[in-house]
Amino acid sequence: MTGRHSPSEAARRSGFSLDTLRYYEKIGLLADVGRTSGGRRVFTDDDLSWLVLFRCLRDTGMPIAEMCRYAELAREGAHTAGERRALLERHAQRVEEQMTLLQRQYDHLREKIRFYDRLT
């Protein structure tokens, strides 16, 4: 049986705000979020797993449109696995390029700090 989590628990565990969770549901990134008889959202363990993935994708700079495309493909079924993999591969390549750039910029910063260390 999957767990049931309140919106505040889902927000806490995912690191997303309640507003972001509502937005993700509104745009279809999160689909079929359950509701109590009073209309309050209830998140399952599966929903939380999706949120962990969305956190990774967002934190690494994937555009919302690509995140939506990935979720849409996943809901279409196993026959889209190749397309989902390709989407993630393209994103991973962009992340790697960004990491390379950041490493170069970090090295430059550290060199500048060493320059000032030698002055003092």
N, C-alpha and C. Protein backbone atom coordinates (compact mmCIF):
# COMPACT_ATOMS: atom_id res chain seq x y z
N MET A 1 0.85 -1.19 0.00
CA MET A 1 0.00 0.00 0.00
C MET A 1 0.89 1.25 0.00
N THR A 2 0.54 2.19 -0.83
CA THR A 2 1.33 3.41 -0.88
C THR A 2 0.91 4.35 0.24
N GLY A 3 1.89 5.13 0.71
CA GLY A 3 1.60 6.09 1.76
C GLY A 3 0.77 7.24 1.24
N ARG A 4 0.15 7.90 2.18
CA ARG A 4 -0.64 9.09 1.88
C ARG A 4 -0.02 10.26 2.62
N HIS A 5 0.22 11.34 1.88
CA HIS A 5 0.93 12.48 2.45
C HIS A 5 0.13 13.76 2.22
N SER A 6 0.09 14.57 3.24
CA SER A 6 -0.58 15.87 3.14
C SER A 6 0.22 16.78 2.22
N PRO A 7 -0.40 17.83 1.72
CA PRO A 7 0.35 18.79 0.90
C PRO A 7 1.57 19.36 1.63
N SER A 8 1.42 19.67 2.90
CA SER A 8 2.56 20.24 3.63
C SER A 8 3.69 19.21 3.78
N GLU A 9 3.34 17.95 3.97
CA GLU A 9 4.35 16.89 4.05
C GLU A 9 5.03 16.71 2.69
N ALA A 10 4.25 16.71 1.62
CA ALA A 10 4.82 16.58 0.28
C ALA A 10 5.75 17.76 -0.02
N ALA A 11 5.35 18.95 0.39
CA ALA A 11 6.19 20.13 0.18
C ALA A 11 7.49 20.00 0.97
N ARG A 12 7.38 19.59 2.22
CA ARG A 12 8.56 19.45 3.06
C ARG A 12 9.51 18.41 2.50
N ARG A 13 8.98 17.28 2.09
CA ARG A 13 9.82 16.18 1.62
C ARG A 13 10.43 16.47 0.24
N SER A 14 9.75 17.24 -0.57
CA SER A 14 10.24 17.51 -1.92
C SER A 14 11.08 18.78 -2.00
N GLY A 15 10.89 19.67 -1.05
CA GLY A 15 11.58 20.95 -1.10
C GLY A 15 10.88 21.98 -1.97
N PHE A 16 9.73 21.62 -2.51
CA PHE A 16 8.93 22.55 -3.30
C PHE A 16 7.93 23.25 -2.39
N SER A 17 7.55 24.45 -2.76
CA SER A 17 6.52 25.16 -2.00
C SER A 17 5.15 24.59 -2.35
N LEU A 18 4.18 24.89 -1.50
CA LEU A 18 2.81 24.47 -1.80
C LEU A 18 2.33 25.09 -3.11
N ASP A 19 2.71 26.34 -3.35
CA ASP A 19 2.33 26.99 -4.60
C ASP A 19 2.91 26.25 -5.80
N THR A 20 4.15 25.79 -5.68
CA THR A 20 4.78 25.05 -6.78
C THR A 20 4.06 23.73 -7.00
N LEU A 21 3.70 23.04 -5.93
CA LEU A 21 2.96 21.78 -6.08
C LEU A 21 1.64 22.01 -6.79
N ARG A 22 0.93 23.07 -6.42
CA ARG A 22 -0.33 23.39 -7.10
C ARG A 22 -0.09 23.71 -8.58
N TYR A 23 0.97 24.48 -8.84
CA TYR A 23 1.31 24.84 -10.22
C TYR A 23 1.64 23.59 -11.03
N TYR A 24 2.45 22.70 -10.48
CA TYR A 24 2.82 21.49 -11.20
C TYR A 24 1.59 20.64 -11.51
N GLU A 25 0.63 20.63 -10.62
CA GLU A 25 -0.60 19.89 -10.89
C GLU A 25 -1.40 20.61 -11.99
N LYS A 26 -1.47 21.92 -11.91
CA LYS A 26 -2.25 22.71 -12.87
C LYS A 26 -1.74 22.53 -14.30
N ILE A 27 -0.41 22.49 -14.46
CA ILE A 27 0.15 22.37 -15.82
C ILE A 27 0.28 20.93 -16.29
N GLY A 28 -0.11 19.98 -15.43
CA GLY A 28 -0.09 18.58 -15.82
C GLY A 28 1.20 17.84 -15.54
N LEU A 29 2.12 18.51 -14.87
CA LEU A 29 3.37 17.83 -14.53
C LEU A 29 3.08 16.71 -13.54
N LEU A 30 2.30 17.01 -12.53
CA LEU A 30 1.78 15.99 -11.62
C LEU A 30 0.36 15.67 -12.08
N ALA A 31 0.10 14.41 -12.31
CA ALA A 31 -1.23 14.03 -12.80
C ALA A 31 -1.95 13.19 -11.76
N ASP A 32 -3.24 13.34 -11.74
CA ASP A 32 -4.10 12.49 -10.91
C ASP A 32 -3.76 12.53 -9.42
N VAL A 33 -3.46 13.73 -8.92
CA VAL A 33 -3.24 13.86 -7.48
C VAL A 33 -4.58 13.60 -6.80
N GLY A 34 -4.56 12.70 -5.82
CA GLY A 34 -5.78 12.34 -5.12
C GLY A 34 -6.31 13.47 -4.25
N ARG A 35 -7.54 13.31 -3.84
CA ARG A 35 -8.20 14.30 -2.99
C ARG A 35 -8.98 13.57 -1.90
N THR A 36 -9.07 14.24 -0.77
CA THR A 36 -9.92 13.73 0.30
C THR A 36 -11.37 14.04 -0.06
N SER A 37 -12.29 13.53 0.74
CA SER A 37 -13.70 13.84 0.50
C SER A 37 -13.97 15.33 0.65
N GLY A 38 -13.11 16.02 1.38
CA GLY A 38 -13.24 17.47 1.54
C GLY A 38 -12.53 18.26 0.45
N GLY A 39 -11.91 17.57 -0.52
CA GLY A 39 -11.26 18.25 -1.63
C GLY A 39 -9.80 18.59 -1.41
N ARG A 40 -9.24 18.17 -0.29
CA ARG A 40 -7.84 18.47 0.01
C ARG A 40 -6.93 17.47 -0.71
N ARG A 41 -5.85 17.97 -1.29
CA ARG A 41 -4.92 17.10 -2.03
C ARG A 41 -4.27 16.08 -1.08
N VAL A 42 -4.07 14.88 -1.63
CA VAL A 42 -3.37 13.82 -0.92
C VAL A 42 -2.33 13.25 -1.88
N PHE A 43 -1.08 13.26 -1.47
CA PHE A 43 0.01 12.80 -2.32
C PHE A 43 0.42 11.38 -1.92
N THR A 44 0.67 10.55 -2.92
CA THR A 44 1.10 9.17 -2.68
C THR A 44 2.63 9.10 -2.71
N ASP A 45 3.14 7.92 -2.37
CA ASP A 45 4.58 7.70 -2.49
C ASP A 45 5.02 7.86 -3.94
N ASP A 46 4.18 7.44 -4.88
CA ASP A 46 4.50 7.62 -6.31
C ASP A 46 4.60 9.10 -6.66
N ASP A 47 3.68 9.89 -6.14
CA ASP A 47 3.75 11.34 -6.37
C ASP A 47 5.06 11.90 -5.83
N LEU A 48 5.46 11.45 -4.64
CA LEU A 48 6.71 11.92 -4.05
C LEU A 48 7.91 11.50 -4.89
N SER A 49 7.86 10.31 -5.46
CA SER A 49 8.95 9.86 -6.35
C SER A 49 9.06 10.78 -7.57
N TRP A 50 7.91 11.13 -8.13
CA TRP A 50 7.91 12.08 -9.25
C TRP A 50 8.52 13.41 -8.81
N LEU A 51 8.15 13.88 -7.62
CA LEU A 51 8.67 15.16 -7.13
C LEU A 51 10.18 15.12 -6.94
N VAL A 52 10.72 13.98 -6.50
CA VAL A 52 12.18 13.85 -6.37
C VAL A 52 12.83 14.00 -7.75
N LEU A 53 12.25 13.36 -8.75
CA LEU A 53 12.77 13.50 -10.11
C LEU A 53 12.65 14.94 -10.60
N PHE A 54 11.49 15.56 -10.38
CA PHE A 54 11.30 16.94 -10.81
C PHE A 54 12.29 17.88 -10.12
N ARG A 55 12.59 17.61 -8.86
CA ARG A 55 13.58 18.43 -8.13
C ARG A 55 14.93 18.32 -8.82
N CYS A 56 15.32 17.10 -9.18
CA CYS A 56 16.59 16.90 -9.87
C CYS A 56 16.61 17.64 -11.20
N LEU A 57 15.56 17.47 -11.97
CA LEU A 57 15.51 18.09 -13.30
C LEU A 57 15.49 19.61 -13.19
N ARG A 58 14.71 20.13 -12.26
CA ARG A 58 14.65 21.58 -12.11
C ARG A 58 15.97 22.15 -11.61
N ASP A 59 16.56 21.47 -10.61
CA ASP A 59 17.82 21.95 -10.05
C ASP A 59 18.96 21.92 -11.07
N THR A 60 18.83 21.07 -12.07
CA THR A 60 19.86 21.00 -13.10
C THR A 60 19.48 21.80 -14.34
N GLY A 61 18.42 22.59 -14.23
CA GLY A 61 18.10 23.55 -15.27
C GLY A 61 17.22 23.07 -16.41
N MET A 62 16.55 21.95 -16.26
CA MET A 62 15.67 21.51 -17.35
C MET A 62 14.47 22.45 -17.41
N PRO A 63 14.14 22.93 -18.60
CA PRO A 63 12.96 23.79 -18.75
C PRO A 63 11.68 23.02 -18.41
N ILE A 64 10.71 23.75 -17.89
CA ILE A 64 9.42 23.16 -17.51
C ILE A 64 8.79 22.42 -18.69
N ALA A 65 8.89 22.99 -19.87
CA ALA A 65 8.28 22.34 -21.05
C ALA A 65 8.87 20.96 -21.27
N GLU A 66 10.17 20.80 -21.07
CA GLU A 66 10.80 19.48 -21.23
C GLU A 66 10.39 18.54 -20.10
N MET A 67 10.25 19.08 -18.90
CA MET A 67 9.79 18.26 -17.79
C MET A 67 8.38 17.75 -18.08
N CYS A 68 7.54 18.62 -18.60
CA CYS A 68 6.17 18.22 -18.96
C CYS A 68 6.18 17.16 -20.06
N ARG A 69 7.05 17.33 -21.03
CA ARG A 69 7.15 16.34 -22.11
C ARG A 69 7.57 14.99 -21.56
N TYR A 70 8.55 14.99 -20.67
CA TYR A 70 9.00 13.74 -20.06
C TYR A 70 7.84 13.06 -19.32
N ALA A 71 7.12 13.82 -18.50
CA ALA A 71 6.00 13.25 -17.74
C ALA A 71 4.92 12.72 -18.67
N GLU A 72 4.65 13.46 -19.73
CA GLU A 72 3.66 13.03 -20.71
C GLU A 72 4.07 11.71 -21.35
N LEU A 73 5.33 11.62 -21.74
CA LEU A 73 5.82 10.38 -22.34
C LEU A 73 5.73 9.21 -21.37
N ALA A 74 6.09 9.46 -20.12
CA ALA A 74 6.05 8.39 -19.11
C ALA A 74 4.63 7.87 -18.94
N ARG A 75 3.65 8.77 -18.96
CA ARG A 75 2.26 8.35 -18.81
C ARG A 75 1.75 7.59 -20.03
N GLU A 76 2.40 7.79 -21.19
CA GLU A 76 1.99 7.08 -22.40
C GLU A 76 2.39 5.61 -22.37
N GLY A 77 3.39 5.27 -21.55
CA GLY A 77 3.74 3.87 -21.40
C GLY A 77 5.16 3.52 -21.82
N ALA A 78 5.44 2.23 -21.69
CA ALA A 78 6.79 1.69 -21.90
C ALA A 78 7.32 1.93 -23.31
N HIS A 79 6.43 2.02 -24.29
CA HIS A 79 6.90 2.20 -25.67
C HIS A 79 7.60 3.55 -25.89
N THR A 80 7.52 4.45 -24.92
CA THR A 80 8.19 5.75 -25.04
C THR A 80 9.54 5.79 -24.32
N ALA A 81 9.99 4.64 -23.83
CA ALA A 81 11.23 4.62 -23.04
C ALA A 81 12.42 5.18 -23.82
N GLY A 82 12.52 4.87 -25.08
CA GLY A 82 13.64 5.38 -25.88
C GLY A 82 13.61 6.89 -26.01
N GLU A 83 12.43 7.44 -26.21
CA GLU A 83 12.31 8.89 -26.33
C GLU A 83 12.61 9.58 -24.98
N ARG A 84 12.16 8.96 -23.90
CA ARG A 84 12.46 9.51 -22.57
C ARG A 84 13.95 9.48 -22.30
N ARG A 85 14.59 8.38 -22.67
CA ARG A 85 16.04 8.27 -22.47
C ARG A 85 16.76 9.34 -23.27
N ALA A 86 16.36 9.53 -24.51
CA ALA A 86 17.00 10.54 -25.36
C ALA A 86 16.83 11.94 -24.78
N LEU A 87 15.65 12.23 -24.25
CA LEU A 87 15.40 13.52 -23.62
C LEU A 87 16.35 13.72 -22.44
N LEU A 88 16.48 12.69 -21.61
CA LEU A 88 17.38 12.79 -20.46
C LEU A 88 18.84 12.87 -20.89
N GLU A 89 19.21 12.17 -21.95
CA GLU A 89 20.59 12.24 -22.46
C GLU A 89 20.93 13.66 -22.92
N ARG A 90 20.01 14.28 -23.65
CA ARG A 90 20.24 15.66 -24.11
C ARG A 90 20.40 16.60 -22.91
N HIS A 91 19.56 16.40 -21.92
CA HIS A 91 19.66 17.24 -20.72
C HIS A 91 20.98 16.98 -19.99
N ALA A 92 21.37 15.73 -19.86
CA ALA A 92 22.63 15.41 -19.19
C ALA A 92 23.81 16.05 -19.90
N GLN A 93 23.76 16.10 -21.22
CA GLN A 93 24.84 16.75 -21.99
C GLN A 93 24.91 18.24 -21.67
N ARG A 94 23.74 18.88 -21.59
CA ARG A 94 23.72 20.31 -21.23
C ARG A 94 24.25 20.52 -19.81
N VAL A 95 23.90 19.63 -18.91
CA VAL A 95 24.38 19.73 -17.52
C VAL A 95 25.90 19.58 -17.49
N GLU A 96 26.41 18.62 -18.24
CA GLU A 96 27.86 18.42 -18.29
C GLU A 96 28.58 19.65 -18.84
N GLU A 97 28.02 20.25 -19.87
CA GLU A 97 28.62 21.47 -20.42
C GLU A 97 28.61 22.60 -19.39
N GLN A 98 27.53 22.71 -18.66
CA GLN A 98 27.43 23.74 -17.62
C GLN A 98 28.44 23.47 -16.50
N MET A 99 28.61 22.20 -16.13
CA MET A 99 29.58 21.85 -15.09
C MET A 99 30.99 22.21 -15.53
N THR A 100 31.31 21.96 -16.78
CA THR A 100 32.64 22.29 -17.31
C THR A 100 32.86 23.79 -17.24
N LEU A 101 31.87 24.56 -17.66
CA LEU A 101 31.97 26.01 -17.60
C LEU A 101 32.13 26.48 -16.15
N LEU A 102 31.31 25.95 -15.26
CA LEU A 102 31.41 26.34 -13.85
C LEU A 102 32.76 25.98 -13.25
N GLN A 103 33.31 24.84 -13.63
CA GLN A 103 34.63 24.46 -13.11
C GLN A 103 35.70 25.46 -13.57
N ARG A 104 35.64 25.85 -14.84
CA ARG A 104 36.59 26.84 -15.33
C ARG A 104 36.44 28.17 -14.59
N GLN A 105 35.21 28.59 -14.39
CA GLN A 105 34.97 29.86 -13.69
C GLN A 105 35.39 29.75 -12.22
N TYR A 106 35.14 28.62 -11.61
CA TYR A 106 35.57 28.40 -10.22
C TYR A 106 37.10 28.47 -10.12
N ASP A 107 37.78 27.81 -11.04
CA ASP A 107 39.25 27.84 -11.04
C ASP A 107 39.75 29.27 -11.18
N HIS A 108 39.10 30.04 -12.02
CA HIS A 108 39.48 31.44 -12.20
C HIS A 108 39.29 32.22 -10.89
N LEU A 109 38.17 32.01 -10.24
CA LEU A 109 37.92 32.67 -8.95
C LEU A 109 38.97 32.30 -7.90
N ARG A 110 39.28 31.02 -7.83
CA ARG A 110 40.28 30.57 -6.84
C ARG A 110 41.64 31.22 -7.13
N GLU A 111 41.99 31.34 -8.41
CA GLU A 111 43.25 31.98 -8.77
C GLU A 111 43.24 33.44 -8.34
N LYS A 112 42.15 34.13 -8.53
CA LYS A 112 42.03 35.53 -8.12
C LYS A 112 42.15 35.65 -6.59
N ILE A 113 41.57 34.73 -5.87
CA ILE A 113 41.68 34.74 -4.41
C ILE A 113 43.13 34.52 -3.99
N ARG A 114 43.81 33.59 -4.66
CA ARG A 114 45.23 33.37 -4.36
C ARG A 114 46.05 34.62 -4.63
N PHE A 115 45.71 35.35 -5.69
CA PHE A 115 46.38 36.61 -6.00
C PHE A 115 46.27 37.57 -4.80
N TYR A 116 45.06 37.70 -4.27
CA TYR A 116 44.88 38.60 -3.13
C TYR A 116 45.54 38.07 -1.86
N ASP A 117 45.58 36.76 -1.71
CA ASP A 117 46.28 36.18 -0.57
C ASP A 117 47.76 36.55 -0.59
N ARG A 118 48.36 36.59 -1.77
CA ARG A 118 49.78 36.93 -1.88
C ARG A 118 50.03 38.41 -1.58
N LEU A 119 49.03 39.25 -1.73
CA LEU A 119 49.17 40.67 -1.44
C LEU A 119 49.13 40.98 0.05
N THR A 120 48.54 40.12 0.82
CA THR A 120 48.39 40.40 2.26
C THR A 120 49.45 39.75 3.09
